[in-house]
Amino acid sequence: MMEPVDMQAAVDRLAAEVGQSVLIEDVDQHPVWWSTKGAVDGTRMKTILDRRVEPPAAAVVQRLRLAQATAPVRTPAMPQVDMWARWCMPVRYEGGLLGFLWVLDPEETVTEADLPALVDCAELAAEAMVKTRETADQRRRLRGELVERLLAALDQNAARELIRLEHLPSDARVQVEDPGKAGGWPLPNDMSAHVAGSRVRTATSGSPVPLVELGEAVRRAVATRRAVTAGARLDPVSWDGLGAWRLIVEAPDSLTVAQLHPGAEILTRRPHADLMTTARAVLDHGGGIAAAAAELHVHRTTLYYRLDRITELTGVDLRAGFTRTNLQLALWLAAYRRAAA
């Protein structure tokens, strides 16, 4: 097991020794450690402030084949990309490229005698990067195990361990996004979990729940997404906005579509879906003929014909009558169960 390396101290020592600004980037050329001595060029300034390298400057690595170098390489000044002359030493561990160490040298004050210090610092950086990567991998694995336990059951011990691992407050709450979004813990089936902060945010699973109830948040997110697939009109897509669809997603398995209204079963079993989709459109628009016709892209005459046919089959006039609510809920339930299947 390697001892922890204080890389910031090592970079500061190298900068003081050579009297120049030092920067260590990862393999994607994002700054990791740096120490500034005096003025710097525009590329270095942007790298530190924006935490990225502009494409023309980044292309220098490929053009000069710096990733293949095995010793410090002095690159010439390149005014066209706002780069002073500098030294580059690749950071490697067991042959694998991890990043680059850069030392500004516009006045050629870095001598051959200074180069071993650059190599030593790059080797220390390699150890630190590997250690950081190993620690991050271990943390991800442990987090994944604890999340699996929470998805399987209400596990207070797993919640407490996850809170300690992630340095969360003891009353941490969580939300789930389906599909997943950046910045959260990855979950099965392309979902993600997000620890709720002080800022109120909308999520697929709705309002935050205690971390120990992560499994419930996942259930809510999945149910909400299925409701949308079944035709629920939600804006935004959130458990909190389900409204009457909550009756559908919480309906017991023992409740059949026919028990809500036998007409729904008649419509859903027909070989063509035109009558079922027409019934859904008219009901979801509150009986509005014009809106339903526009959604279905059919002429009103066609729509009236279909409405008469639906009445013949189900006994329900979609333009009036209290029984149409039962038919609407039954059609919702049928669509939701198809989506779940």
C-alpha atoms as a PDB file:
ATOM      1  CA  MET A   1       0.000   0.000   0.000  1.00  0.00           C
ATOM      2  CA  MET A   2       1.500   3.326  -1.092  1.00  0.00           C
ATOM      3  CA  GLU A   3       1.762   6.129   1.455  1.00  0.00           C
ATOM      4  CA  PRO A   4      -0.322   9.213   0.666  1.00  0.00           C
ATOM      5  CA  VAL A   5       1.529  11.801  -1.418  1.00  0.00           C
ATOM      6  CA  ASP A   6       1.085  15.521  -0.735  1.00  0.00           C
ATOM      7  CA  MET A   7       1.195  16.521  -4.378  1.00  0.00           C
ATOM      8  CA  GLN A   8       0.430  20.185  -3.833  1.00  0.00           C
ATOM      9  CA  ALA A   9       3.499  20.450  -1.613  1.00  0.00           C
ATOM     10  CA  ALA A  10       5.563  18.585  -4.228  1.00  0.00           C
ATOM     11  CA  VAL A  11       4.397  20.930  -6.999  1.00  0.00           C
ATOM     12  CA  ASP A  12       5.123  23.982  -4.840  1.00  0.00           C
ATOM     13  CA  ARG A  13       8.653  22.661  -4.176  1.00  0.00           C
ATOM     14  CA  LEU A  14       9.318  22.087  -7.872  1.00  0.00           C
ATOM     15  CA  ALA A  15       8.058  25.578  -8.781  1.00  0.00           C
ATOM     16  CA  ALA A  16      10.292  27.118  -6.136  1.00  0.00           C
ATOM     17  CA  GLU A  17      13.293  25.041  -7.247  1.00  0.00           C
ATOM     18  CA  VAL A  18      13.096  25.959 -10.937  1.00  0.00           C
ATOM     19  CA  GLY A  19      11.581  29.417 -10.380  1.00  0.00           C
ATOM     20  CA  GLN A  20       8.782  28.788 -12.888  1.00  0.00           C
ATOM     21  CA  SER A  21       5.066  28.020 -12.883  1.00  0.00           C
ATOM     22  CA  VAL A  22       4.188  24.321 -12.748  1.00  0.00           C
ATOM     23  CA  LEU A  23       0.968  22.588 -13.798  1.00  0.00           C
ATOM     24  CA  ILE A  24      -0.048  18.923 -13.682  1.00  0.00           C
ATOM     25  CA  GLU A  25      -3.021  17.865 -15.810  1.00  0.00           C
ATOM     26  CA  ASP A  26      -4.872  14.583 -16.007  1.00  0.00           C
ATOM     27  CA  VAL A  27      -4.978  12.589 -19.245  1.00  0.00           C
ATOM     28  CA  ASP A  28      -7.937  14.680 -20.457  1.00  0.00           C
ATOM     29  CA  GLN A  29      -5.872  17.823 -19.825  1.00  0.00           C
ATOM     30  CA  HIS A  30      -7.910  19.074 -16.887  1.00  0.00           C
ATOM     31  CA  PRO A  31      -5.767  20.824 -14.239  1.00  0.00           C
ATOM     32  CA  VAL A  32      -5.158  18.801 -11.068  1.00  0.00           C
ATOM     33  CA  TRP A  33      -2.335  20.589  -9.229  1.00  0.00           C
ATOM     34  CA  TRP A  34      -0.527  23.841 -10.013  1.00  0.00           C
ATOM     35  CA  SER A  35       1.793  26.438  -8.536  1.00  0.00           C
ATOM     36  CA  THR A  36       2.239  29.875 -10.097  1.00  0.00           C
ATOM     37  CA  LYS A  37       5.466  31.870 -10.117  1.00  0.00           C
ATOM     38  CA  GLY A  38       5.151  35.304 -11.731  1.00  0.00           C
ATOM     39  CA  ALA A  39       3.388  35.934 -15.031  1.00  0.00           C
ATOM     40  CA  VAL A  40       1.839  33.168 -17.115  1.00  0.00           C
ATOM     41  CA  ASP A  41       0.721  32.950 -20.731  1.00  0.00           C
ATOM     42  CA  GLY A  42      -2.881  33.081 -21.948  1.00  0.00           C
ATOM     43  CA  THR A  43      -3.200  29.313 -22.298  1.00  0.00           C
ATOM     44  CA  ARG A  44      -2.105  28.692 -18.699  1.00  0.00           C
ATOM     45  CA  MET A  45      -4.445  31.419 -17.441  1.00  0.00           C
ATOM     46  CA  LYS A  46      -7.434  29.901 -19.267  1.00  0.00           C
ATOM     47  CA  THR A  47      -6.535  26.396 -18.104  1.00  0.00           C
ATOM     48  CA  ILE A  48      -6.585  27.437 -14.455  1.00  0.00           C
ATOM     49  CA  LEU A  49      -9.621  29.720 -14.642  1.00  0.00           C
ATOM     50  CA  ASP A  50     -11.781  27.593 -16.952  1.00  0.00           C
ATOM     51  CA  ARG A  51     -10.383  24.208 -15.800  1.00  0.00           C
ATOM     52  CA  ARG A  52      -9.930  23.123 -19.393  1.00  0.00           C
ATOM     53  CA  VAL A  53      -7.587  23.595 -22.337  1.00  0.00           C
ATOM     54  CA  GLU A  54      -8.735  25.304 -25.518  1.00  0.00           C
ATOM     55  CA  PRO A  55      -8.766  22.840 -28.476  1.00  0.00           C
ATOM     56  CA  PRO A  56      -5.954  24.569 -30.460  1.00  0.00           C
ATOM     57  CA  ALA A  57      -3.658  24.404 -27.421  1.00  0.00           C
ATOM     58  CA  ALA A  58      -4.695  20.841 -26.573  1.00  0.00           C
ATOM     59  CA  ALA A  59      -3.834  19.793 -30.129  1.00  0.00           C
ATOM     60  CA  VAL A  60      -0.174  20.577 -29.409  1.00  0.00           C
ATOM     61  CA  VAL A  61       0.082  17.338 -27.415  1.00  0.00           C
ATOM     62  CA  GLN A  62      -0.881  15.275 -30.430  1.00  0.00           C
ATOM     63  CA  ARG A  63       1.028  17.329 -32.968  1.00  0.00           C
ATOM     64  CA  LEU A  64       4.299  17.059 -31.025  1.00  0.00           C
ATOM     65  CA  ARG A  65       3.608  13.436 -29.998  1.00  0.00           C
ATOM     66  CA  LEU A  66       4.117  14.356 -26.340  1.00  0.00           C
ATOM     67  CA  ALA A  67       2.100  11.367 -25.111  1.00  0.00           C
ATOM     68  CA  GLN A  68       4.841   9.097 -26.514  1.00  0.00           C
ATOM     69  CA  ALA A  69       7.702  10.968 -24.820  1.00  0.00           C
ATOM     70  CA  THR A  70       9.732   9.175 -22.144  1.00  0.00           C
ATOM     71  CA  ALA A  71      11.732  12.185 -20.970  1.00  0.00           C
ATOM     72  CA  PRO A  72      11.079  15.929 -20.565  1.00  0.00           C
ATOM     73  CA  VAL A  73      10.415  17.679 -23.883  1.00  0.00           C
ATOM     74  CA  ARG A  74      10.861  21.411 -24.425  1.00  0.00           C
ATOM     75  CA  THR A  75       8.117  22.782 -26.657  1.00  0.00           C
ATOM     76  CA  PRO A  76       8.712  26.040 -28.555  1.00  0.00           C
ATOM     77  CA  ALA A  77       6.715  29.223 -28.113  1.00  0.00           C
ATOM     78  CA  MET A  78       3.505  29.216 -30.150  1.00  0.00           C
ATOM     79  CA  PRO A  79       2.069  32.726 -30.295  1.00  0.00           C
ATOM     80  CA  GLN A  80      -0.801  31.565 -32.513  1.00  0.00           C
ATOM     81  CA  VAL A  81      -2.262  29.629 -29.566  1.00  0.00           C
ATOM     82  CA  ASP A  82      -0.956  32.018 -26.872  1.00  0.00           C
ATOM     83  CA  MET A  83       1.584  29.528 -25.512  1.00  0.00           C
ATOM     84  CA  TRP A  84       5.043  30.363 -24.226  1.00  0.00           C
ATOM     85  CA  ALA A  85       7.842  27.865 -24.475  1.00  0.00           C
ATOM     86  CA  ARG A  86       7.565  25.215 -21.777  1.00  0.00           C
ATOM     87  CA  TRP A  87       8.717  21.779 -20.691  1.00  0.00           C
ATOM     88  CA  CYS A  88       6.422  18.760 -20.793  1.00  0.00           C
ATOM     89  CA  MET A  89       6.902  15.500 -18.911  1.00  0.00           C
ATOM     90  CA  PRO A  90       4.248  12.769 -19.358  1.00  0.00           C
ATOM     91  CA  VAL A  91       2.877  11.314 -16.127  1.00  0.00           C
ATOM     92  CA  ARG A  92       2.820   7.509 -16.348  1.00  0.00           C
ATOM     93  CA  TYR A  93       2.263   4.554 -14.083  1.00  0.00           C
ATOM     94  CA  GLU A  94       3.346   1.094 -15.214  1.00  0.00           C
ATOM     95  CA  GLY A  95       3.336   2.306 -18.795  1.00  0.00           C
ATOM     96  CA  GLY A  96      -0.146   3.813 -18.710  1.00  0.00           C
ATOM     97  CA  LEU A  97      -0.502   7.536 -19.477  1.00  0.00           C
ATOM     98  CA  LEU A  98      -2.197   9.423 -16.622  1.00  0.00           C
ATOM     99  CA  GLY A  99      -1.480  13.043 -17.525  1.00  0.00           C
ATOM    100  CA  PHE A 100       1.171  15.689 -18.168  1.00  0.00           C
ATOM    101  CA  LEU A 101       3.486  17.859 -16.080  1.00  0.00           C
ATOM    102  CA  TRP A 102       4.149  21.289 -17.578  1.00  0.00           C
ATOM    103  CA  VAL A 103       6.782  23.880 -16.566  1.00  0.00           C
ATOM    104  CA  LEU A 104       6.704  27.302 -18.216  1.00  0.00           C
ATOM    105  CA  ASP A 105      10.136  28.338 -19.515  1.00  0.00           C
ATOM    106  CA  PRO A 106       9.878  31.402 -21.792  1.00  0.00           C
ATOM    107  CA  GLU A 107      13.394  32.624 -20.977  1.00  0.00           C
ATOM    108  CA  GLU A 108      15.115  29.206 -21.107  1.00  0.00           C
ATOM    109  CA  THR A 109      16.038  29.344 -17.428  1.00  0.00           C
ATOM    110  CA  VAL A 110      15.283  25.660 -16.802  1.00  0.00           C
ATOM    111  CA  THR A 111      18.534  23.761 -17.290  1.00  0.00           C
ATOM    112  CA  GLU A 112      19.413  20.138 -17.947  1.00  0.00           C
ATOM    113  CA  ALA A 113      20.301  19.853 -14.276  1.00  0.00           C
ATOM    114  CA  ASP A 114      16.694  20.724 -13.378  1.00  0.00           C
ATOM    115  CA  LEU A 115      15.128  18.001 -15.513  1.00  0.00           C
ATOM    116  CA  PRO A 116      15.510  15.120 -13.018  1.00  0.00           C
ATOM    117  CA  ALA A 117      13.324  17.133 -10.612  1.00  0.00           C
ATOM    118  CA  LEU A 118      10.611  17.250 -13.286  1.00  0.00           C
ATOM    119  CA  VAL A 119      10.833  13.487 -13.718  1.00  0.00           C
ATOM    120  CA  ASP A 120      10.690  12.902  -9.955  1.00  0.00           C
ATOM    121  CA  CYS A 121       7.631  15.142  -9.586  1.00  0.00           C
ATOM    122  CA  ALA A 122       5.872  13.347 -12.463  1.00  0.00           C
ATOM    123  CA  GLU A 123       6.532   9.999 -10.779  1.00  0.00           C
ATOM    124  CA  LEU A 124       5.083  11.284  -7.515  1.00  0.00           C
ATOM    125  CA  ALA A 125       2.046  12.569  -9.432  1.00  0.00           C
ATOM    126  CA  ALA A 126       1.573   9.124 -10.983  1.00  0.00           C
ATOM    127  CA  GLU A 127       1.514   7.515  -7.522  1.00  0.00           C
ATOM    128  CA  ALA A 128      -0.962  10.095  -6.239  1.00  0.00           C
ATOM    129  CA  MET A 129      -3.249   9.706  -9.270  1.00  0.00           C
ATOM    130  CA  VAL A 130      -3.252   5.924  -8.981  1.00  0.00           C
ATOM    131  CA  LYS A 131      -3.966   6.115  -5.261  1.00  0.00           C
ATOM    132  CA  THR A 132      -6.813   8.561  -5.886  1.00  0.00           C
ATOM    133  CA  ARG A 133      -8.223   6.343  -8.626  1.00  0.00           C
ATOM    134  CA  GLU A 134      -8.031   3.226  -6.426  1.00  0.00           C
ATOM    135  CA  THR A 135      -9.740   5.048  -3.570  1.00  0.00           C
ATOM    136  CA  ALA A 136     -12.470   6.333  -5.893  1.00  0.00           C
ATOM    137  CA  ASP A 137     -12.999   2.827  -7.309  1.00  0.00           C
ATOM    138  CA  GLN A 138     -13.279   1.347  -3.818  1.00  0.00           C
ATOM    139  CA  ARG A 139     -15.748   4.031  -2.827  1.00  0.00           C
ATOM    140  CA  ARG A 140     -17.864   3.435  -5.933  1.00  0.00           C
ATOM    141  CA  ARG A 141     -17.930  -0.307  -5.277  1.00  0.00           C
ATOM    142  CA  LEU A 142     -18.952   0.146  -1.642  1.00  0.00           C
ATOM    143  CA  ARG A 143     -21.583   2.727  -2.595  1.00  0.00           C
ATOM    144  CA  GLY A 144     -22.971   0.326  -5.177  1.00  0.00           C
ATOM    145  CA  GLU A 145     -23.248  -2.454  -2.571  1.00  0.00           C
ATOM    146  CA  LEU A 146     -25.033  -0.182  -0.095  1.00  0.00           C
ATOM    147  CA  VAL A 147     -27.418   1.097  -2.771  1.00  0.00           C
ATOM    148  CA  GLU A 148     -28.262  -2.508  -3.710  1.00  0.00           C
ATOM    149  CA  ARG A 149     -29.128  -3.227  -0.085  1.00  0.00           C
ATOM    150  CA  LEU A 150     -31.382  -0.163   0.089  1.00  0.00           C
ATOM    151  CA  LEU A 151     -33.144  -1.144  -3.125  1.00  0.00           C
ATOM    152  CA  ALA A 152     -33.796  -4.600  -1.731  1.00  0.00           C
ATOM    153  CA  ALA A 153     -35.214  -3.557   1.660  1.00  0.00           C
ATOM    154  CA  LEU A 154     -35.556  -0.830   4.302  1.00  0.00           C
ATOM    155  CA  ASP A 155     -32.032  -1.255   5.647  1.00  0.00           C
ATOM    156  CA  GLN A 156     -31.221   1.320   8.323  1.00  0.00           C
ATOM    157  CA  ASN A 157     -27.636   0.049   8.676  1.00  0.00           C
ATOM    158  CA  ALA A 158     -27.022   0.421   4.935  1.00  0.00           C
ATOM    159  CA  ALA A 159     -28.425   3.961   5.044  1.00  0.00           C
ATOM    160  CA  ARG A 160     -26.155   4.900   7.961  1.00  0.00           C
ATOM    161  CA  GLU A 161     -23.096   3.413   6.227  1.00  0.00           C
ATOM    162  CA  LEU A 162     -23.899   5.252   2.997  1.00  0.00           C
ATOM    163  CA  ILE A 163     -24.323   8.516   4.903  1.00  0.00           C
ATOM    164  CA  ARG A 164     -20.888   8.057   6.482  1.00  0.00           C
ATOM    165  CA  LEU A 165     -19.291   7.059   3.168  1.00  0.00           C
ATOM    166  CA  GLU A 166     -20.654  10.077   1.307  1.00  0.00           C
ATOM    167  CA  HIS A 167     -20.305  12.497   4.265  1.00  0.00           C
ATOM    168  CA  LEU A 168     -24.013  13.301   4.189  1.00  0.00           C
ATOM    169  CA  PRO A 169     -26.157  14.812   6.957  1.00  0.00           C
ATOM    170  CA  SER A 170     -27.810  12.235   9.193  1.00  0.00           C
ATOM    171  CA  ASP A 171     -31.248  13.206   7.860  1.00  0.00           C
ATOM    172  CA  ALA A 172     -30.230  12.959   4.180  1.00  0.00           C
ATOM    173  CA  ARG A 173     -33.106  12.688   1.728  1.00  0.00           C
ATOM    174  CA  VAL A 174     -33.077  11.398  -1.821  1.00  0.00           C
ATOM    175  CA  GLN A 175     -34.891  11.667  -5.156  1.00  0.00           C
ATOM    176  CA  VAL A 176     -34.746   9.463  -8.249  1.00  0.00           C
ATOM    177  CA  GLU A 177     -34.661  10.450 -11.916  1.00  0.00           C
ATOM    178  CA  ASP A 178     -35.918   8.181 -14.705  1.00  0.00           C
ATOM    179  CA  PRO A 179     -34.159   8.385 -17.087  1.00  0.00           C
ATOM    180  CA  GLY A 180     -31.058   9.176 -15.090  1.00  0.00           C
ATOM    181  CA  LYS A 181     -29.366  12.564 -14.999  1.00  0.00           C
ATOM    182  CA  ALA A 182     -25.784  13.639 -14.461  1.00  0.00           C
ATOM    183  CA  GLY A 183     -24.541  14.285 -10.961  1.00  0.00           C
ATOM    184  CA  GLY A 184     -26.302  11.398  -9.232  1.00  0.00           C
ATOM    185  CA  TRP A 185     -25.556   7.825  -8.216  1.00  0.00           C
ATOM    186  CA  PRO A 186     -26.223   5.417 -11.094  1.00  0.00           C
ATOM    187  CA  LEU A 187     -29.094   2.994 -10.509  1.00  0.00           C
ATOM    188  CA  PRO A 188     -30.298  -0.033 -12.490  1.00  0.00           C
ATOM    189  CA  ASN A 189     -32.360   0.521 -15.648  1.00  0.00           C
ATOM    190  CA  ASP A 190     -30.740   3.866 -16.484  1.00  0.00           C
ATOM    191  CA  MET A 191     -31.997   5.707 -13.414  1.00  0.00           C
ATOM    192  CA  SER A 192     -30.077   7.904 -10.990  1.00  0.00           C
ATOM    193  CA  ALA A 193     -30.404   8.848  -7.318  1.00  0.00           C
ATOM    194  CA  HIS A 194     -29.796  12.425  -6.153  1.00  0.00           C
ATOM    195  CA  VAL A 195     -29.297  13.614  -2.596  1.00  0.00           C
ATOM    196  CA  ALA A 196     -31.704  16.481  -1.990  1.00  0.00           C
ATOM    197  CA  GLY A 197     -30.164  19.809  -1.073  1.00  0.00           C
ATOM    198  CA  SER A 198     -31.665  22.985   0.283  1.00  0.00           C
ATOM    199  CA  ARG A 199     -32.907  24.017  -3.178  1.00  0.00           C
ATOM    200  CA  VAL A 200     -36.256  22.504  -4.109  1.00  0.00           C
ATOM    201  CA  ARG A 201     -35.985  20.504  -7.332  1.00  0.00           C
ATOM    202  CA  THR A 202     -38.498  18.538  -9.357  1.00  0.00           C
ATOM    203  CA  ALA A 203     -37.700  14.849  -9.869  1.00  0.00           C
ATOM    204  CA  THR A 204     -39.432  11.882 -11.455  1.00  0.00           C
ATOM    205  CA  SER A 205     -39.909  10.317  -8.008  1.00  0.00           C
ATOM    206  CA  GLY A 206     -41.435  13.516  -6.604  1.00  0.00           C
ATOM    207  CA  SER A 207     -40.565  15.114  -3.284  1.00  0.00           C
ATOM    208  CA  PRO A 208     -37.485  13.830  -1.410  1.00  0.00           C
ATOM    209  CA  VAL A 209     -37.798  10.808   0.873  1.00  0.00           C
ATOM    210  CA  PRO A 210     -35.416   9.639   3.625  1.00  0.00           C
ATOM    211  CA  LEU A 211     -32.362   7.854   2.236  1.00  0.00           C
ATOM    212  CA  VAL A 212     -33.468   4.578   3.801  1.00  0.00           C
ATOM    213  CA  GLU A 213     -36.551   4.742   1.526  1.00  0.00           C
ATOM    214  CA  LEU A 214     -34.508   4.801  -1.689  1.00  0.00           C
ATOM    215  CA  GLY A 215     -36.398   1.747  -2.906  1.00  0.00           C
ATOM    216  CA  GLU A 216     -39.704   3.596  -2.536  1.00  0.00           C
ATOM    217  CA  ALA A 217     -38.305   6.546  -4.509  1.00  0.00           C
ATOM    218  CA  VAL A 218     -37.341   4.139  -7.293  1.00  0.00           C
ATOM    219  CA  ARG A 219     -40.839   2.606  -7.262  1.00  0.00           C
ATOM    220  CA  ARG A 220     -42.395   6.055  -7.592  1.00  0.00           C
ATOM    221  CA  ALA A 221     -40.082   7.034 -10.437  1.00  0.00           C
ATOM    222  CA  VAL A 222     -40.798   3.815 -12.332  1.00  0.00           C
ATOM    223  CA  ALA A 223     -44.558   4.189 -11.800  1.00  0.00           C
ATOM    224  CA  THR A 224     -44.466   7.791 -12.992  1.00  0.00           C
ATOM    225  CA  ARG A 225     -42.535   6.933 -16.130  1.00  0.00           C
ATOM    226  CA  ARG A 226     -44.943   4.061 -16.869  1.00  0.00           C
ATOM    227  CA  ALA A 227     -47.882   6.406 -16.431  1.00  0.00           C
ATOM    228  CA  VAL A 228     -46.378   8.740 -19.018  1.00  0.00           C
ATOM    229  CA  THR A 229     -45.859   5.804 -21.365  1.00  0.00           C
ATOM    230  CA  ALA A 230     -49.520   4.931 -20.805  1.00  0.00           C
ATOM    231  CA  GLY A 231     -50.570   8.423 -21.839  1.00  0.00           C
ATOM    232  CA  ALA A 232     -50.504  10.520 -18.660  1.00  0.00           C
ATOM    233  CA  ARG A 233     -50.029  14.181 -19.546  1.00  0.00           C
ATOM    234  CA  LEU A 234     -47.591  15.406 -16.899  1.00  0.00           C
ATOM    235  CA  ASP A 235     -45.651  18.650 -16.968  1.00  0.00           C
ATOM    236  CA  PRO A 236     -43.234  18.283 -15.346  1.00  0.00           C
ATOM    237  CA  VAL A 237     -42.940  14.496 -15.252  1.00  0.00           C
ATOM    238  CA  SER A 238     -43.105  13.889 -11.511  1.00  0.00           C
ATOM    239  CA  TRP A 239     -44.837  11.631  -9.002  1.00  0.00           C
ATOM    240  CA  ASP A 240     -46.159  14.790  -7.349  1.00  0.00           C
ATOM    241  CA  GLY A 241     -48.049  15.683 -10.544  1.00  0.00           C
ATOM    242  CA  LEU A 242     -49.802  12.357 -11.137  1.00  0.00           C
ATOM    243  CA  GLY A 243     -53.161  13.588  -9.827  1.00  0.00           C
ATOM    244  CA  ALA A 244     -55.875  11.066 -10.684  1.00  0.00           C
ATOM    245  CA  TRP A 245     -53.237   8.768 -12.155  1.00  0.00           C
ATOM    246  CA  ARG A 246     -52.231   7.971  -8.556  1.00  0.00           C
ATOM    247  CA  LEU A 247     -55.437   5.900  -8.408  1.00  0.00           C
ATOM    248  CA  ILE A 248     -54.128   3.903 -11.361  1.00  0.00           C
ATOM    249  CA  VAL A 249     -50.541   3.343 -10.267  1.00  0.00           C
ATOM    250  CA  GLU A 250     -51.645   2.401  -6.741  1.00  0.00           C
ATOM    251  CA  ALA A 251     -54.486   0.129  -7.909  1.00  0.00           C
ATOM    252  CA  PRO A 252     -54.191  -3.389  -6.406  1.00  0.00           C
ATOM    253  CA  ASP A 253     -53.397  -6.252  -8.757  1.00  0.00           C
ATOM    254  CA  SER A 254     -56.709  -7.830  -7.813  1.00  0.00           C
ATOM    255  CA  LEU A 255     -58.614  -4.971  -9.471  1.00  0.00           C
ATOM    256  CA  THR A 256     -59.336  -5.824 -13.104  1.00  0.00           C
ATOM    257  CA  VAL A 257     -60.006  -3.471 -15.981  1.00  0.00           C
ATOM    258  CA  ALA A 258     -63.450  -5.017 -16.472  1.00  0.00           C
ATOM    259  CA  GLN A 259     -64.350  -4.367 -12.844  1.00  0.00           C
ATOM    260  CA  LEU A 260     -63.823  -0.652 -13.420  1.00  0.00           C
ATOM    261  CA  HIS A 261     -65.784  -0.767 -16.655  1.00  0.00           C
ATOM    262  CA  PRO A 262     -66.387  -3.760 -18.961  1.00  0.00           C
ATOM    263  CA  GLY A 263     -66.472  -1.433 -21.962  1.00  0.00           C
ATOM    264  CA  ALA A 264     -62.729  -0.804 -21.639  1.00  0.00           C
ATOM    265  CA  GLU A 265     -62.002  -4.488 -22.051  1.00  0.00           C
ATOM    266  CA  ILE A 266     -64.191  -4.575 -25.174  1.00  0.00           C
ATOM    267  CA  LEU A 267     -62.287  -1.679 -26.726  1.00  0.00           C
ATOM    268  CA  THR A 268     -58.809  -2.896 -25.820  1.00  0.00           C
ATOM    269  CA  ARG A 269     -59.434  -6.391 -27.197  1.00  0.00           C
ATOM    270  CA  ARG A 270     -60.495  -5.215 -30.633  1.00  0.00           C
ATOM    271  CA  PRO A 271     -58.018  -6.038 -33.448  1.00  0.00           C
ATOM    272  CA  HIS A 272     -57.776  -2.356 -34.404  1.00  0.00           C
ATOM    273  CA  ALA A 273     -57.000   0.367 -31.876  1.00  0.00           C
ATOM    274  CA  ASP A 274     -58.887   3.211 -33.579  1.00  0.00           C
ATOM    275  CA  LEU A 275     -61.909   3.078 -31.256  1.00  0.00           C
ATOM    276  CA  MET A 276     -59.781   2.755 -28.134  1.00  0.00           C
ATOM    277  CA  THR A 277     -57.529   5.681 -29.091  1.00  0.00           C
ATOM    278  CA  THR A 278     -60.597   7.732 -29.996  1.00  0.00           C
ATOM    279  CA  ALA A 279     -62.196   7.019 -26.623  1.00  0.00           C
ATOM    280  CA  ARG A 280     -58.968   7.977 -24.824  1.00  0.00           C
ATOM    281  CA  ALA A 281     -58.632  11.218 -26.767  1.00  0.00           C
ATOM    282  CA  VAL A 282     -62.242  12.329 -26.244  1.00  0.00           C
ATOM    283  CA  LEU A 283     -62.236  11.409 -22.547  1.00  0.00           C
ATOM    284  CA  ASP A 284     -58.838  12.967 -21.871  1.00  0.00           C
ATOM    285  CA  HIS A 285     -60.073  16.186 -23.496  1.00  0.00           C
ATOM    286  CA  GLY A 286     -63.145  16.209 -21.254  1.00  0.00           C
ATOM    287  CA  GLY A 287     -65.498  15.350 -24.075  1.00  0.00           C
ATOM    288  CA  GLY A 288     -64.136  18.073 -26.347  1.00  0.00           C
ATOM    289  CA  ILE A 289     -64.778  16.972 -29.935  1.00  0.00           C
ATOM    290  CA  ALA A 290     -62.684  19.619 -31.684  1.00  0.00           C
ATOM    291  CA  ALA A 291     -59.609  19.012 -29.527  1.00  0.00           C
ATOM    292  CA  ALA A 292     -59.895  15.245 -29.884  1.00  0.00           C
ATOM    293  CA  ALA A 293     -60.303  15.452 -33.671  1.00  0.00           C
ATOM    294  CA  ALA A 294     -57.236  17.691 -33.908  1.00  0.00           C
ATOM    295  CA  GLU A 295     -55.161  15.299 -31.807  1.00  0.00           C
ATOM    296  CA  LEU A 296     -56.261  12.275 -33.835  1.00  0.00           C
ATOM    297  CA  HIS A 297     -55.939  14.121 -37.173  1.00  0.00           C
ATOM    298  CA  VAL A 298     -59.399  12.992 -38.293  1.00  0.00           C
ATOM    299  CA  HIS A 299     -62.441  14.839 -39.628  1.00  0.00           C
ATOM    300  CA  ARG A 300     -65.281  15.481 -37.209  1.00  0.00           C
ATOM    301  CA  THR A 301     -67.563  13.277 -39.297  1.00  0.00           C
ATOM    302  CA  THR A 302     -65.188  10.356 -38.777  1.00  0.00           C
ATOM    303  CA  LEU A 303     -64.995  11.128 -35.078  1.00  0.00           C
ATOM    304  CA  TYR A 304     -68.799  11.202 -34.696  1.00  0.00           C
ATOM    305  CA  TYR A 305     -69.040   7.864 -36.490  1.00  0.00           C
ATOM    306  CA  ARG A 306     -66.521   6.372 -34.068  1.00  0.00           C
ATOM    307  CA  LEU A 307     -68.342   7.811 -31.053  1.00  0.00           C
ATOM    308  CA  ASP A 308     -71.578   6.186 -32.173  1.00  0.00           C
ATOM    309  CA  ARG A 309     -69.774   2.888 -32.612  1.00  0.00           C
ATOM    310  CA  ILE A 310     -68.212   3.162 -29.142  1.00  0.00           C
ATOM    311  CA  THR A 311     -71.652   3.797 -27.651  1.00  0.00           C
ATOM    312  CA  GLU A 312     -73.005   0.684 -29.403  1.00  0.00           C
ATOM    313  CA  LEU A 313     -70.188  -1.481 -28.017  1.00  0.00           C
ATOM    314  CA  THR A 314     -69.890  -0.078 -24.487  1.00  0.00           C
ATOM    315  CA  GLY A 315     -73.179   1.620 -23.773  1.00  0.00           C
ATOM    316  CA  VAL A 316     -71.308   4.839 -22.903  1.00  0.00           C
ATOM    317  CA  ASP A 317     -71.890   8.221 -24.526  1.00  0.00           C
ATOM    318  CA  LEU A 318     -68.438   9.849 -24.282  1.00  0.00           C
ATOM    319  CA  ARG A 319     -69.989  13.310 -24.612  1.00  0.00           C
ATOM    320  CA  ALA A 320     -72.122  13.041 -21.490  1.00  0.00           C
ATOM    321  CA  GLY A 321     -72.974  10.803 -18.555  1.00  0.00           C
ATOM    322  CA  PHE A 322     -71.271   9.902 -15.304  1.00  0.00           C
ATOM    323  CA  THR A 323     -70.286   6.407 -16.530  1.00  0.00           C
ATOM    324  CA  ARG A 324     -67.661   7.874 -18.863  1.00  0.00           C
ATOM    325  CA  THR A 325     -65.417   8.546 -15.824  1.00  0.00           C
ATOM    326  CA  ASN A 326     -65.393   4.844 -15.022  1.00  0.00           C
ATOM    327  CA  LEU A 327     -64.556   4.043 -18.650  1.00  0.00           C
ATOM    328  CA  GLN A 328     -61.751   6.602 -18.661  1.00  0.00           C
ATOM    329  CA  LEU A 329     -60.146   5.168 -15.528  1.00  0.00           C
ATOM    330  CA  ALA A 330     -60.517   1.650 -16.902  1.00  0.00           C
ATOM    331  CA  LEU A 331     -58.783   2.650 -20.145  1.00  0.00           C
ATOM    332  CA  TRP A 332     -56.005   4.303 -18.127  1.00  0.00           C
ATOM    333  CA  LEU A 333     -55.547   1.147 -16.061  1.00  0.00           C
ATOM    334  CA  ALA A 334     -55.416  -1.023 -19.185  1.00  0.00           C
ATOM    335  CA  ALA A 335     -52.777   1.242 -20.758  1.00  0.00           C
ATOM    336  CA  TYR A 336     -50.735   1.400 -17.544  1.00  0.00           C
ATOM    337  CA  ARG A 337     -50.654  -2.370 -17.206  1.00  0.00           C
ATOM    338  CA  ARG A 338     -49.607  -2.754 -20.828  1.00  0.00           C
ATOM    339  CA  ALA A 339     -46.768  -0.319 -20.174  1.00  0.00           C
ATOM    340  CA  ALA A 340     -45.754  -2.193 -17.030  1.00  0.00           C
ATOM    341  CA  ALA A 341     -45.719  -5.482 -18.932  1.00  0.00           C
END
